[in-house]
C-alpha atoms as a PDB file:
ATOM      1  CA  MET A   1      18.754 -47.227 270.392  1.00  0.00           C
ATOM      2  CA  SER A   2      16.874 -46.318 267.246  1.00  0.00           C
ATOM      3  CA  SER A   3      16.456 -42.745 265.962  1.00  0.00           C
ATOM      4  CA  ASN A   4      12.848 -42.830 267.178  1.00  0.00           C
ATOM      5  CA  GLU A   5      13.749 -43.620 270.798  1.00  0.00           C
ATOM      6  CA  ILE A   6      15.079 -41.490 273.646  1.00  0.00           C
ATOM      7  CA  GLY A   7      15.599 -43.451 276.874  1.00  0.00           C
ATOM      8  CA  ASP A   8      12.393 -45.327 277.623  1.00  0.00           C
ATOM      9  CA  HIS A   9      10.228 -42.888 275.649  1.00  0.00           C
ATOM     10  CA  ARG A  10       9.319 -43.496 272.042  1.00  0.00           C
ATOM     11  CA  LEU A  11       8.768 -40.423 269.838  1.00  0.00           C
ATOM     12  CA  PRO A  12       5.396 -40.511 268.058  1.00  0.00           C
ATOM     13  CA  HIS A  13       5.493 -41.191 264.340  1.00  0.00           C
ATOM     14  CA  LEU A  14       4.269 -38.405 262.114  1.00  0.00           C
ATOM     15  CA  ALA A  15       1.277 -40.539 261.144  1.00  0.00           C
ATOM     16  CA  ASP A  16       0.256 -40.693 264.802  1.00  0.00           C
ATOM     17  CA  LEU A  17      -0.184 -36.908 264.953  1.00  0.00           C
ATOM     18  CA  SER A  18      -3.663 -35.606 264.292  1.00  0.00           C
ATOM     19  CA  ASP A  19      -4.404 -33.479 261.259  1.00  0.00           C
ATOM     20  CA  ALA A  20      -5.342 -30.652 263.614  1.00  0.00           C
ATOM     21  CA  ILE A  21      -1.870 -30.651 265.229  1.00  0.00           C
ATOM     22  CA  LEU A  22      -0.119 -30.706 261.854  1.00  0.00           C
ATOM     23  CA  HIS A  23      -2.374 -27.944 260.583  1.00  0.00           C
ATOM     24  CA  GLN A  24      -1.670 -25.815 263.657  1.00  0.00           C
ATOM     25  CA  ALA A  25       2.087 -26.388 263.321  1.00  0.00           C
ATOM     26  CA  ILE A  26       1.999 -25.110 259.761  1.00  0.00           C
ATOM     27  CA  LEU A  27      -0.181 -22.137 260.619  1.00  0.00           C
ATOM     28  CA  SER A  28       1.974 -21.049 263.580  1.00  0.00           C
ATOM     29  CA  SER A  29       5.370 -21.570 261.931  1.00  0.00           C
ATOM     30  CA  PRO A  30       7.601 -18.500 262.513  1.00  0.00           C
ATOM     31  CA  ASP A  31       8.787 -18.795 258.909  1.00  0.00           C
ATOM     32  CA  GLY A  32       6.560 -17.969 255.996  1.00  0.00           C
ATOM     33  CA  LEU A  33       5.117 -21.066 254.299  1.00  0.00           C
ATOM     34  CA  LEU A  34       3.713 -21.038 250.792  1.00  0.00           C
ATOM     35  CA  ILE A  35       2.244 -24.019 248.907  1.00  0.00           C
ATOM     36  CA  CYS A  36       1.953 -23.790 245.121  1.00  0.00           C
ATOM     37  CA  ASP A  37       0.701 -26.253 242.515  1.00  0.00           C
ATOM     38  CA  ALA A  38       2.555 -27.312 239.370  1.00  0.00           C
ATOM     39  CA  ALA A  39       1.203 -24.281 237.487  1.00  0.00           C
ATOM     40  CA  GLY A  40       2.630 -21.849 240.063  1.00  0.00           C
ATOM     41  CA  THR A  41      -0.761 -21.023 241.582  1.00  0.00           C
ATOM     42  CA  ILE A  42      -0.742 -20.262 245.308  1.00  0.00           C
ATOM     43  CA  ARG A  43      -2.836 -22.803 247.241  1.00  0.00           C
ATOM     44  CA  PHE A  44      -1.883 -21.924 250.813  1.00  0.00           C
ATOM     45  CA  ALA A  45      -0.104 -19.139 252.717  1.00  0.00           C
ATOM     46  CA  ASN A  46       0.400 -19.138 256.481  1.00  0.00           C
ATOM     47  CA  GLU A  47       0.088 -16.118 258.774  1.00  0.00           C
ATOM     48  CA  ALA A  48       3.845 -15.454 258.947  1.00  0.00           C
ATOM     49  CA  LEU A  49       4.031 -15.211 255.170  1.00  0.00           C
ATOM     50  CA  CYS A  50       0.985 -12.905 255.031  1.00  0.00           C
ATOM     51  CA  LEU A  51       2.516 -10.583 257.639  1.00  0.00           C
ATOM     52  CA  MET A  52       5.828 -10.575 255.791  1.00  0.00           C
ATOM     53  CA  VAL A  53       4.330  -9.438 252.467  1.00  0.00           C
ATOM     54  CA  ASP A  54       1.329  -7.524 253.879  1.00  0.00           C
ATOM     55  CA  TYR A  55      -1.341  -9.519 252.046  1.00  0.00           C
ATOM     56  CA  THR A  56      -4.229 -11.538 253.445  1.00  0.00           C
ATOM     57  CA  SER A  57      -4.408 -15.232 252.613  1.00  0.00           C
ATOM     58  CA  ASP A  58      -7.566 -14.565 250.570  1.00  0.00           C
ATOM     59  CA  GLN A  59      -5.617 -12.050 248.457  1.00  0.00           C
ATOM     60  CA  LEU A  60      -2.843 -14.582 247.786  1.00  0.00           C
ATOM     61  CA  ILE A  61      -4.684 -17.873 247.267  1.00  0.00           C
ATOM     62  CA  GLY A  62      -5.510 -18.430 243.613  1.00  0.00           C
ATOM     63  CA  GLN A  63      -2.884 -15.960 242.377  1.00  0.00           C
ATOM     64  CA  LYS A  64       0.321 -16.789 240.525  1.00  0.00           C
ATOM     65  CA  VAL A  65       3.360 -16.927 242.796  1.00  0.00           C
ATOM     66  CA  GLU A  66       5.033 -14.371 240.525  1.00  0.00           C
ATOM     67  CA  MET A  67       2.972 -11.672 242.237  1.00  0.00           C
ATOM     68  CA  LEU A  68       5.497 -11.991 245.089  1.00  0.00           C
ATOM     69  CA  VAL A  69       8.506 -11.918 242.752  1.00  0.00           C
ATOM     70  CA  PRO A  70      10.120  -8.634 241.618  1.00  0.00           C
ATOM     71  CA  SER A  71       8.954  -7.809 238.089  1.00  0.00           C
ATOM     72  CA  ARG A  72      12.538  -7.807 236.808  1.00  0.00           C
ATOM     73  CA  GLU A  73      12.753 -11.506 237.750  1.00  0.00           C
ATOM     74  CA  HIS A  74       9.386 -12.721 236.406  1.00  0.00           C
ATOM     75  CA  ASP A  75      10.597 -14.403 233.208  1.00  0.00           C
ATOM     76  CA  THR A  76      13.567 -16.015 234.929  1.00  0.00           C
ATOM     77  CA  HIS A  77      11.413 -17.215 237.816  1.00  0.00           C
ATOM     78  CA  VAL A  78       8.877 -18.877 235.502  1.00  0.00           C
ATOM     79  CA  GLN A  79      11.681 -20.781 233.752  1.00  0.00           C
ATOM     80  CA  ARG A  80      13.211 -21.884 237.049  1.00  0.00           C
ATOM     81  CA  ARG A  81       9.830 -22.879 238.466  1.00  0.00           C
ATOM     82  CA  GLU A  82       9.023 -25.031 235.434  1.00  0.00           C
ATOM     83  CA  GLY A  83      12.484 -26.610 235.594  1.00  0.00           C
ATOM     84  CA  TYR A  84      11.991 -27.415 239.276  1.00  0.00           C
ATOM     85  CA  ILE A  85       8.655 -29.154 238.596  1.00  0.00           C
ATOM     86  CA  GLU A  86      10.377 -31.372 236.021  1.00  0.00           C
ATOM     87  CA  SER A  87      13.137 -32.328 238.467  1.00  0.00           C
ATOM     88  CA  PRO A  88      11.890 -31.650 242.006  1.00  0.00           C
ATOM     89  CA  HIS A  89      14.046 -32.104 245.111  1.00  0.00           C
ATOM     90  CA  SER A  90      14.477 -30.380 248.458  1.00  0.00           C
ATOM     91  CA  ARG A  91      16.993 -27.554 248.158  1.00  0.00           C
ATOM     92  CA  PRO A  92      17.632 -23.872 248.886  1.00  0.00           C
ATOM     93  CA  MET A  93      16.312 -21.602 246.154  1.00  0.00           C
ATOM     94  CA  GLY A  94      18.659 -19.295 244.268  1.00  0.00           C
ATOM     95  CA  ARG A  95      21.847 -20.362 246.021  1.00  0.00           C
ATOM     96  CA  GLY A  96      24.291 -17.430 245.898  1.00  0.00           C
ATOM     97  CA  LEU A  97      21.599 -15.005 244.728  1.00  0.00           C
ATOM     98  CA  ALA A  98      20.046 -12.050 246.553  1.00  0.00           C
ATOM     99  CA  LEU A  99      16.359 -12.941 246.736  1.00  0.00           C
ATOM    100  CA  SER A 100      13.502 -10.556 247.481  1.00  0.00           C
ATOM    101  CA  ALA A 101       9.765 -10.862 248.058  1.00  0.00           C
ATOM    102  CA  VAL A 102       7.456  -8.074 246.921  1.00  0.00           C
ATOM    103  CA  ARG A 103       5.066  -6.607 249.483  1.00  0.00           C
ATOM    104  CA  SER A 104       1.607  -5.271 248.724  1.00  0.00           C
ATOM    105  CA  ASP A 105       2.997  -1.700 248.593  1.00  0.00           C
ATOM    106  CA  LYS A 106       5.564  -2.857 245.969  1.00  0.00           C
ATOM    107  CA  SER A 107       8.472  -2.524 248.393  1.00  0.00           C
ATOM    108  CA  GLU A 108      10.811  -5.502 248.708  1.00  0.00           C
ATOM    109  CA  VAL A 109      11.993  -7.587 251.638  1.00  0.00           C
ATOM    110  CA  ALA A 110      15.194  -9.655 251.522  1.00  0.00           C
ATOM    111  CA  VAL A 111      14.381 -13.343 251.958  1.00  0.00           C
ATOM    112  CA  GLU A 112      15.891 -16.805 252.088  1.00  0.00           C
ATOM    113  CA  ILE A 113      13.813 -19.549 250.427  1.00  0.00           C
ATOM    114  CA  SER A 114      13.924 -23.332 250.654  1.00  0.00           C
ATOM    115  CA  LEU A 115      11.853 -25.582 248.372  1.00  0.00           C
ATOM    116  CA  SER A 116      10.402 -29.041 249.018  1.00  0.00           C
ATOM    117  CA  PRO A 117       8.242 -31.099 246.603  1.00  0.00           C
ATOM    118  CA  VAL A 118       5.249 -33.059 247.892  1.00  0.00           C
ATOM    119  CA  ASP A 119       2.696 -35.257 246.126  1.00  0.00           C
ATOM    120  CA  SER A 120      -0.963 -34.775 246.970  1.00  0.00           C
ATOM    121  CA  PRO A 121      -4.391 -35.863 245.671  1.00  0.00           C
ATOM    122  CA  MET A 122      -4.382 -32.563 243.712  1.00  0.00           C
ATOM    123  CA  GLY A 123      -1.071 -33.389 242.053  1.00  0.00           C
ATOM    124  CA  ARG A 124       2.491 -32.372 242.743  1.00  0.00           C
ATOM    125  CA  MET A 125       2.869 -29.379 245.015  1.00  0.00           C
ATOM    126  CA  THR A 126       5.848 -27.291 246.063  1.00  0.00           C
ATOM    127  CA  ILE A 127       6.257 -26.082 249.646  1.00  0.00           C
ATOM    128  CA  ALA A 128       8.347 -22.909 249.931  1.00  0.00           C
ATOM    129  CA  SER A 129       9.739 -21.972 253.334  1.00  0.00           C
ATOM    130  CA  ILE A 130      10.423 -18.225 253.282  1.00  0.00           C
ATOM    131  CA  ARG A 131      12.440 -16.397 255.925  1.00  0.00           C
ATOM    132  CA  ASP A 132      12.857 -12.619 256.287  1.00  0.00           C
ATOM    133  CA  ILE A 133      16.630 -12.016 256.526  1.00  0.00           C
ATOM    134  CA  THR A 134      16.539  -8.215 256.715  1.00  0.00           C
ATOM    135  CA  ASP A 135      17.960  -8.161 260.267  1.00  0.00           C
ATOM    136  CA  ARG A 136      20.588 -10.767 259.398  1.00  0.00           C
ATOM    137  CA  LEU A 137      21.793  -8.715 256.430  1.00  0.00           C
ATOM    138  CA  ALA A 138      21.852  -5.561 258.577  1.00  0.00           C
ATOM    139  CA  ASP A 139      23.933  -7.351 261.218  1.00  0.00           C
ATOM    140  CA  ALA A 140      26.277  -8.670 258.531  1.00  0.00           C
ATOM    141  CA  GLU A 141      26.681  -5.158 257.154  1.00  0.00           C
ATOM    142  CA  LYS A 142      27.467  -3.802 260.634  1.00  0.00           C
ATOM    143  CA  LEU A 143      30.030  -6.565 261.116  1.00  0.00           C
ATOM    144  CA  ARG A 144      31.580  -5.823 257.726  1.00  0.00           C
ATOM    145  CA  ASN A 145      31.775  -2.103 258.540  1.00  0.00           C
ATOM    146  CA  THR A 146      33.306  -2.853 261.955  1.00  0.00           C
ATOM    147  CA  ARG A 147      35.933  -5.098 260.398  1.00  0.00           C
ATOM    148  CA  GLU A 148      36.630  -2.472 257.760  1.00  0.00           C
ATOM    149  CA  MET A 149      37.020   0.243 260.391  1.00  0.00           C
ATOM    150  CA  LEU A 150      39.367  -1.954 262.443  1.00  0.00           C
ATOM    151  CA  THR A 151      41.458  -2.676 259.359  1.00  0.00           C
ATOM    152  CA  LEU A 152      41.414   0.992 258.417  1.00  0.00           C
ATOM    153  CA  SER A 153      42.347   2.036 261.950  1.00  0.00           C
ATOM    154  CA  SER A 154      45.269  -0.378 261.934  1.00  0.00           C
ATOM    155  CA  GLU A 155      46.381   0.933 258.548  1.00  0.00           C
ATOM    156  CA  ARG A 156      46.103   4.521 259.770  1.00  0.00           C
ATOM    157  CA  GLU A 157      48.235   3.725 262.796  1.00  0.00           C
ATOM    158  CA  ARG A 158      50.887   2.059 260.628  1.00  0.00           C
ATOM    159  CA  ILE A 159      51.018   4.957 258.165  1.00  0.00           C
ATOM    160  CA  ALA A 160      50.972   7.520 260.975  1.00  0.00           C
ATOM    161  CA  ARG A 161      53.841   5.697 262.672  1.00  0.00           C
ATOM    162  CA  ASP A 162      55.830   5.537 259.427  1.00  0.00           C
ATOM    163  CA  LEU A 163      55.152   9.207 258.717  1.00  0.00           C
ATOM    164  CA  HIS A 164      56.101  10.212 262.251  1.00  0.00           C
ATOM    165  CA  ASP A 165      59.361   8.292 262.074  1.00  0.00           C
ATOM    166  CA  THR A 166      60.334   9.635 258.659  1.00  0.00           C
ATOM    167  CA  VAL A 167      58.513  12.482 256.910  1.00  0.00           C
ATOM    168  CA  LEU A 168      57.191  14.396 259.923  1.00  0.00           C
ATOM    169  CA  GLN A 169      60.449  14.206 261.848  1.00  0.00           C
ATOM    170  CA  ARG A 170      62.337  15.549 258.847  1.00  0.00           C
ATOM    171  CA  LEU A 171      59.800  18.348 258.402  1.00  0.00           C
ATOM    172  CA  PHE A 172      60.001  19.243 262.099  1.00  0.00           C
ATOM    173  CA  GLY A 173      63.792  19.306 261.831  1.00  0.00           C
ATOM    174  CA  LEU A 174      63.656  21.516 258.744  1.00  0.00           C
ATOM    175  CA  GLY A 175      61.251  23.869 260.503  1.00  0.00           C
ATOM    176  CA  LEU A 176      63.561  24.184 263.492  1.00  0.00           C
ATOM    177  CA  GLU A 177      66.529  24.929 261.224  1.00  0.00           C
ATOM    178  CA  LEU A 178      64.554  27.639 259.422  1.00  0.00           C
ATOM    179  CA  GLN A 179      63.474  29.169 262.730  1.00  0.00           C
ATOM    180  CA  ALA A 180      67.100  29.241 263.897  1.00  0.00           C
ATOM    181  CA  MET A 181      68.132  30.861 260.625  1.00  0.00           C
ATOM    182  CA  ALA A 182      65.380  33.451 261.027  1.00  0.00           C
ATOM    183  CA  MET A 183      66.542  34.298 264.565  1.00  0.00           C
ATOM    184  CA  LYS A 184      70.140  34.585 263.418  1.00  0.00           C
ATOM    185  CA  GLN A 185      69.233  36.595 260.337  1.00  0.00           C
ATOM    186  CA  SER A 186      67.103  39.037 262.338  1.00  0.00           C
ATOM    187  CA  SER A 187      70.259  40.456 263.908  1.00  0.00           C
ATOM    188  CA  GLN A 188      71.698  41.324 260.497  1.00  0.00           C
ATOM    189  CA  PRO A 189      71.035  44.660 258.741  1.00  0.00           C
ATOM    190  CA  ASP A 190      68.445  44.743 255.941  1.00  0.00           C
ATOM    191  CA  SER A 191      67.172  41.336 256.958  1.00  0.00           C
ATOM    192  CA  GLU A 192      63.422  41.986 257.164  1.00  0.00           C
ATOM    193  CA  SER A 193      62.527  40.465 253.790  1.00  0.00           C
ATOM    194  CA  THR A 194      64.662  37.382 254.411  1.00  0.00           C
ATOM    195  CA  VAL A 195      63.174  36.836 257.853  1.00  0.00           C
ATOM    196  CA  ALA A 196      59.669  37.228 256.424  1.00  0.00           C
ATOM    197  CA  ARG A 197      60.385  34.586 253.775  1.00  0.00           C
ATOM    198  CA  LEU A 198      61.794  32.208 256.387  1.00  0.00           C
ATOM    199  CA  GLU A 199      58.763  32.680 258.628  1.00  0.00           C
ATOM    200  CA  THR A 200      56.498  32.031 255.662  1.00  0.00           C
ATOM    201  CA  SER A 201      58.389  28.789 254.967  1.00  0.00           C
ATOM    202  CA  VAL A 202      58.006  27.697 258.607  1.00  0.00           C
ATOM    203  CA  ASP A 203      54.259  28.377 258.436  1.00  0.00           C
ATOM    204  CA  GLU A 204      54.013  26.380 255.221  1.00  0.00           C
ATOM    205  CA  ILE A 205      55.831  23.418 256.792  1.00  0.00           C
ATOM    206  CA  ASP A 206      53.405  23.535 259.714  1.00  0.00           C
ATOM    207  CA  HIS A 207      50.495  23.556 257.268  1.00  0.00           C
ATOM    208  CA  ILE A 208      51.972  20.575 255.368  1.00  0.00           C
ATOM    209  CA  ILE A 209      52.297  18.601 258.613  1.00  0.00           C
ATOM    210  CA  LYS A 210      48.628  19.250 259.456  1.00  0.00           C
ATOM    211  CA  GLU A 211      47.561  18.255 255.932  1.00  0.00           C
ATOM    212  CA  ILE A 212      49.486  14.972 256.173  1.00  0.00           C
ATOM    213  CA  ARG A 213      47.844  14.179 259.510  1.00  0.00           C
ATOM    214  CA  THR A 214      44.421  14.940 258.053  1.00  0.00           C
ATOM    215  CA  ARG A 215      45.057  12.631 255.094  1.00  0.00           C
ATOM    216  CA  VAL A 216      46.048   9.837 257.481  1.00  0.00           C
ATOM    217  CA  PHE A 217      42.946  10.204 259.659  1.00  0.00           C
ATOM    218  CA  THR A 218      40.602  10.342 256.647  1.00  0.00           C
ATOM    219  CA  LEU A 219      42.338   7.466 254.870  1.00  0.00           C
ATOM    220  CA  GLY A 220      39.777   5.539 252.836  1.00  0.00           C
ATOM    221  CA  ALA A 221      36.795   7.497 254.172  1.00  0.00           C
ATOM    222  CA  ALA A 222      36.106   9.412 250.974  1.00  0.00           C
ATOM    223  CA  ARG A 223      35.728   6.132 249.086  1.00  0.00           C
ATOM    224  CA  ARG A 224      33.442   4.459 251.629  1.00  0.00           C
ATOM    225  CA  GLU A 225      29.812   5.246 251.041  1.00  0.00           C
ATOM    226  CA  GLY A 226      28.042   6.495 254.137  1.00  0.00           C
ATOM    227  CA  SER A 227      31.217   7.252 256.064  1.00  0.00           C
ATOM    228  CA  LEU A 228      31.586  10.376 258.208  1.00  0.00           C
ATOM    229  CA  GLY A 229      34.635  11.373 256.184  1.00  0.00           C
ATOM    230  CA  GLN A 230      32.610  11.261 252.983  1.00  0.00           C
ATOM    231  CA  GLU A 231      29.820  13.329 254.555  1.00  0.00           C
ATOM    232  CA  ILE A 232      32.276  15.980 255.762  1.00  0.00           C
ATOM    233  CA  GLY A 233      33.842  16.083 252.313  1.00  0.00           C
ATOM    234  CA  ASP A 234      30.399  16.604 250.759  1.00  0.00           C
ATOM    235  CA  ILE A 235      29.644  19.480 253.165  1.00  0.00           C
ATOM    236  CA  LEU A 236      32.942  21.194 252.356  1.00  0.00           C
ATOM    237  CA  ALA A 237      32.350  20.732 248.617  1.00  0.00           C
ATOM    238  CA  GLN A 238      28.894  22.322 248.932  1.00  0.00           C
ATOM    239  CA  SER A 239      30.226  25.270 250.917  1.00  0.00           C
ATOM    240  CA  ALA A 240      33.048  25.776 248.400  1.00  0.00           C
ATOM    241  CA  ARG A 241      30.477  26.459 245.683  1.00  0.00           C
ATOM    242  CA  VAL A 242      28.999  29.258 247.818  1.00  0.00           C
ATOM    243  CA  LEU A 243      32.240  30.633 249.260  1.00  0.00           C
ATOM    244  CA  GLY A 244      34.077  30.596 245.950  1.00  0.00           C
ATOM    245  CA  PHE A 245      37.009  28.664 247.452  1.00  0.00           C
ATOM    246  CA  SER A 246      37.597  25.399 249.319  1.00  0.00           C
ATOM    247  CA  PRO A 247      37.850  25.510 253.124  1.00  0.00           C
ATOM    248  CA  ARG A 248      40.948  23.962 254.632  1.00  0.00           C
ATOM    249  CA  LEU A 249      40.373  20.815 256.650  1.00  0.00           C
ATOM    250  CA  ARG A 250      42.309  19.400 259.583  1.00  0.00           C
ATOM    251  CA  ILE A 251      41.295  16.218 261.402  1.00  0.00           C
ATOM    252  CA  GLU A 252      42.954  14.719 264.465  1.00  0.00           C
ATOM    253  CA  GLY A 253      41.911  11.721 266.514  1.00  0.00           C
ATOM    254  CA  ALA A 254      39.619   8.747 265.901  1.00  0.00           C
ATOM    255  CA  LEU A 255      36.771  10.809 264.472  1.00  0.00           C
ATOM    256  CA  GLU A 256      35.430   8.071 262.193  1.00  0.00           C
ATOM    257  CA  ASN A 257      35.366   5.436 264.935  1.00  0.00           C
ATOM    258  CA  MET A 258      34.059   7.516 267.856  1.00  0.00           C
ATOM    259  CA  VAL A 259      31.478   9.901 266.394  1.00  0.00           C
ATOM    260  CA  PHE A 260      28.206   8.261 265.345  1.00  0.00           C
ATOM    261  CA  GLY A 261      24.457   8.301 265.964  1.00  0.00           C
ATOM    262  CA  THR A 262      22.864  11.584 267.037  1.00  0.00           C
ATOM    263  CA  LEU A 263      26.271  13.126 267.736  1.00  0.00           C
ATOM    264  CA  ARG A 264      27.282  12.585 264.119  1.00  0.00           C
ATOM    265  CA  ILE A 265      23.997  14.110 262.949  1.00  0.00           C
ATOM    266  CA  ASP A 266      24.454  17.203 265.133  1.00  0.00           C
ATOM    267  CA  LEU A 267      28.141  17.554 264.238  1.00  0.00           C
ATOM    268  CA  THR A 268      27.497  17.578 260.497  1.00  0.00           C
ATOM    269  CA  ALA A 269      24.476  19.855 260.894  1.00  0.00           C
ATOM    270  CA  SER A 270      26.533  22.272 262.997  1.00  0.00           C
ATOM    271  CA  LEU A 271      29.396  22.246 260.490  1.00  0.00           C
ATOM    272  CA  HIS A 272      26.929  22.976 257.715  1.00  0.00           C
ATOM    273  CA  GLU A 273      25.393  25.803 259.786  1.00  0.00           C
ATOM    274  CA  ALA A 274      28.748  27.347 260.695  1.00  0.00           C
ATOM    275  CA  LEU A 275      29.994  27.330 257.093  1.00  0.00           C
ATOM    276  CA  GLY A 276      26.653  28.747 255.953  1.00  0.00           C
ATOM    277  CA  ASN A 277      27.024  31.634 258.413  1.00  0.00           C
ATOM    278  CA  VAL A 278      30.516  32.331 257.084  1.00  0.00           C
ATOM    279  CA  ALA A 279      29.260  32.344 253.501  1.00  0.00           C
ATOM    280  CA  ARG A 280      26.331  34.646 254.303  1.00  0.00           C
ATOM    281  CA  HIS A 281      27.945  37.192 256.609  1.00  0.00           C
ATOM    282  CA  SER A 282      31.739  37.157 256.850  1.00  0.00           C
ATOM    283  CA  ARG A 283      33.013  38.047 253.344  1.00  0.00           C
ATOM    284  CA  ALA A 284      35.962  35.779 254.186  1.00  0.00           C
ATOM    285  CA  THR A 285      38.654  34.717 251.735  1.00  0.00           C
ATOM    286  CA  VAL A 286      40.084  31.921 253.915  1.00  0.00           C
ATOM    287  CA  VAL A 287      38.198  29.409 256.081  1.00  0.00           C
ATOM    288  CA  SER A 288      39.728  26.610 258.135  1.00  0.00           C
ATOM    289  CA  VAL A 289      37.819  23.686 259.628  1.00  0.00           C
ATOM    290  CA  GLU A 290      39.346  21.671 262.486  1.00  0.00           C
ATOM    291  CA  LEU A 291      37.743  18.455 263.764  1.00  0.00           C
ATOM    292  CA  ILE A 292      39.563  16.982 266.754  1.00  0.00           C
ATOM    293  CA  VAL A 293      38.820  14.074 269.087  1.00  0.00           C
ATOM    294  CA  LEU A 294      40.998  14.354 272.195  1.00  0.00           C
ATOM    295  CA  ASP A 295      40.483  12.714 275.613  1.00  0.00           C
ATOM    296  CA  TYR A 296      36.866  11.764 274.794  1.00  0.00           C
ATOM    297  CA  THR A 297      36.075  15.310 273.728  1.00  0.00           C
ATOM    298  CA  LEU A 298      34.999  16.364 270.241  1.00  0.00           C
ATOM    299  CA  ILE A 299      36.133  19.830 269.186  1.00  0.00           C
ATOM    300  CA  MET A 300      34.956  21.523 266.015  1.00  0.00           C
ATOM    301  CA  ARG A 301      36.524  24.854 265.066  1.00  0.00           C
ATOM    302  CA  VAL A 302      35.529  26.947 262.083  1.00  0.00           C
ATOM    303  CA  ILE A 303      37.893  29.900 261.604  1.00  0.00           C
ATOM    304  CA  ASP A 304      37.503  32.649 259.026  1.00  0.00           C
ATOM    305  CA  ASN A 305      39.371  35.856 258.157  1.00  0.00           C
ATOM    306  CA  GLY A 306      36.211  37.855 257.458  1.00  0.00           C
ATOM    307  CA  VAL A 307      34.800  41.088 258.805  1.00  0.00           C
ATOM    308  CA  GLY A 308      34.118  39.725 262.278  1.00  0.00           C
ATOM    309  CA  LEU A 309      31.007  39.481 264.413  1.00  0.00           C
ATOM    310  CA  PRO A 310      28.203  42.053 264.305  1.00  0.00           C
ATOM    311  CA  GLN A 311      27.923  44.228 267.408  1.00  0.00           C
ATOM    312  CA  ASP A 312      24.853  42.365 268.721  1.00  0.00           C
ATOM    313  CA  ALA A 313      25.899  38.840 267.715  1.00  0.00           C
ATOM    314  CA  GLN A 314      26.628  37.719 271.272  1.00  0.00           C
ATOM    315  CA  SER A 315      23.630  39.355 272.975  1.00  0.00           C
ATOM    316  CA  SER A 316      21.069  38.695 270.210  1.00  0.00           C
ATOM    317  CA  PRO A 317      22.204  35.655 268.195  1.00  0.00           C
ATOM    318  CA  GLY A 318      20.313  34.716 265.057  1.00  0.00           C
ATOM    319  CA  ASN A 319      18.667  31.368 264.390  1.00  0.00           C
ATOM    320  CA  GLY A 320      21.870  29.857 262.996  1.00  0.00           C
ATOM    321  CA  LEU A 321      23.924  30.654 266.092  1.00  0.00           C
ATOM    322  CA  ARG A 322      21.130  29.507 268.395  1.00  0.00           C
ATOM    323  CA  ASN A 323      20.971  26.207 266.502  1.00  0.00           C
ATOM    324  CA  LEU A 324      24.710  25.712 266.970  1.00  0.00           C
ATOM    325  CA  SER A 325      24.427  26.331 270.687  1.00  0.00           C
ATOM    326  CA  THR A 326      21.338  24.125 271.109  1.00  0.00           C
ATOM    327  CA  ARG A 327      22.972  21.181 269.326  1.00  0.00           C
ATOM    328  CA  ALA A 328      26.022  21.482 271.563  1.00  0.00           C
ATOM    329  CA  THR A 329      24.075  21.732 274.840  1.00  0.00           C
ATOM    330  CA  THR A 330      21.957  18.713 273.810  1.00  0.00           C
ATOM    331  CA  HIS A 331      25.131  16.638 274.174  1.00  0.00           C
ATOM    332  CA  GLY A 332      26.324  18.404 277.331  1.00  0.00           C
ATOM    333  CA  GLY A 333      28.673  20.707 275.437  1.00  0.00           C
ATOM    334  CA  THR A 334      29.147  24.361 274.564  1.00  0.00           C
ATOM    335  CA  CYS A 335      29.417  26.583 271.530  1.00  0.00           C
ATOM    336  CA  ASN A 336      31.421  29.822 271.654  1.00  0.00           C
ATOM    337  CA  LEU A 337      31.904  32.633 269.144  1.00  0.00           C
ATOM    338  CA  ILE A 338      35.280  34.236 269.587  1.00  0.00           C
ATOM    339  CA  PRO A 339      36.296  37.422 267.733  1.00  0.00           C
ATOM    340  CA  LEU A 340      39.877  37.303 266.471  1.00  0.00           C
ATOM    341  CA  GLU A 341      42.332  40.170 266.642  1.00  0.00           C
ATOM    342  CA  SER A 342      42.769  39.906 262.889  1.00  0.00           C
ATOM    343  CA  GLY A 343      39.085  40.704 262.421  1.00  0.00           C
ATOM    344  CA  GLY A 344      37.905  37.185 261.690  1.00  0.00           C
ATOM    345  CA  THR A 345      35.840  34.844 263.840  1.00  0.00           C
ATOM    346  CA  LEU A 346      36.351  31.507 265.555  1.00  0.00           C
ATOM    347  CA  VAL A 347      33.349  29.237 266.113  1.00  0.00           C
ATOM    348  CA  GLU A 348      34.299  26.626 268.710  1.00  0.00           C
ATOM    349  CA  TRP A 349      31.852  23.728 269.219  1.00  0.00           C
ATOM    350  CA  ILE A 350      32.877  21.371 272.042  1.00  0.00           C
ATOM    351  CA  VAL A 351      30.986  18.277 273.224  1.00  0.00           C
ATOM    352  CA  PRO A 352      31.935  15.136 275.159  1.00  0.00           C
ATOM    353  CA  VAL A 353      32.190  11.846 273.274  1.00  0.00           C
ATOM    354  CA  VAL A 354      30.529   9.155 275.366  1.00  0.00           C
END
C-alpha cells in the first residue's frame, strides 16, 4: 500500500484541493501563520496570529517583521533573517532560545516558531508558524515547582529524622537531666539562684529545639523566589524595622506544601496585620510567631509581652482586629484575642486546611 492509500480509499493529492480550501485552511489554522518576503516585509498574517499580537492584518501587512520582535533583538534578528534567506530550509527558529513576540501594547508573549521556505511568482517567501506557549511554560513551571517541593519535602524528612535520632534526643536528654538536678537542688539550702539558672537552661534548650524544627521546615524556602517561607521572612523583616527587634519564628508541619491560593493570601495578610497591631499598640519587647499545620488545621499564633489589650478591645474591636476575624471566618475558622497573665496578648488565628 502506498503512502497515499488507506484501504480502498485514495487520499486526494494536494494539487486536487481547490485554492479556496487551501486558503480556508491557512486562515483557520489554530497556530499563527506569517508570510514574509526576502526583505522581511510581512505579506500575510492569519487570524490566529492577529489575535495573538493584537494587530489587524491591515496593520501588519507591508510592515517589517521586526515590528513583532523585541527591540533588544532587532539587530540579531535581521542578521539571522538574511542568513536564512541565503540558506533556507524547514527548521525550528532559535532552537534553545526563549523567543517572544511583541504585542501592539508592547507587552510580550512567549512563542515557538518554525520556518519554511517557499518559492512563489513574487520570489522566495518564508512561512513562519507561530505558537503561543504561555500556558505550556506555566505548566512546566508548576511541574518544576512541584518536583522541587517533593524533593525539598523528602530532604526535610531525612534531616528531621536525622535530627530526631541524634541532636534532638540528646537535647531532650540534657533537658531532663537539668530538670532532675533542679528538683534535687531545690531541697538544698540557698539553692534559689542555682535552680533559677537550671530552669533558664532548660528553657533555652526548649527554645533551641523549636528553632531547629523551624529551620528544618523552612529548609530552602528563603532561597526560592515566590515561596511562602520567603514571604513570611519578608513580613518578619519588615516588622522588625518597626518593632526595633526581630520576632521569633516557629514553624511546624507541611506549611509550604499545604497552604496556597486564597488561604496563603489571607494568612500572610493576617500575620502582617497582627504584627502591625503589636507594633502600634503593645510596646512589646518580645514577639513570637508560631505557624503550625496539624491534622489539616492551620494555626497562627502571635504572642507579645506588651501592655495587654485595651479595656474595650473585645467588645469594640478596631479595623485591624475585625480584618483578622473576617479573614479567618472566610475560611471557616476563628480568630481569638487572649490576654495573658503576664500582661501580654495572644492572637490565635485558626482555620481548616482543605
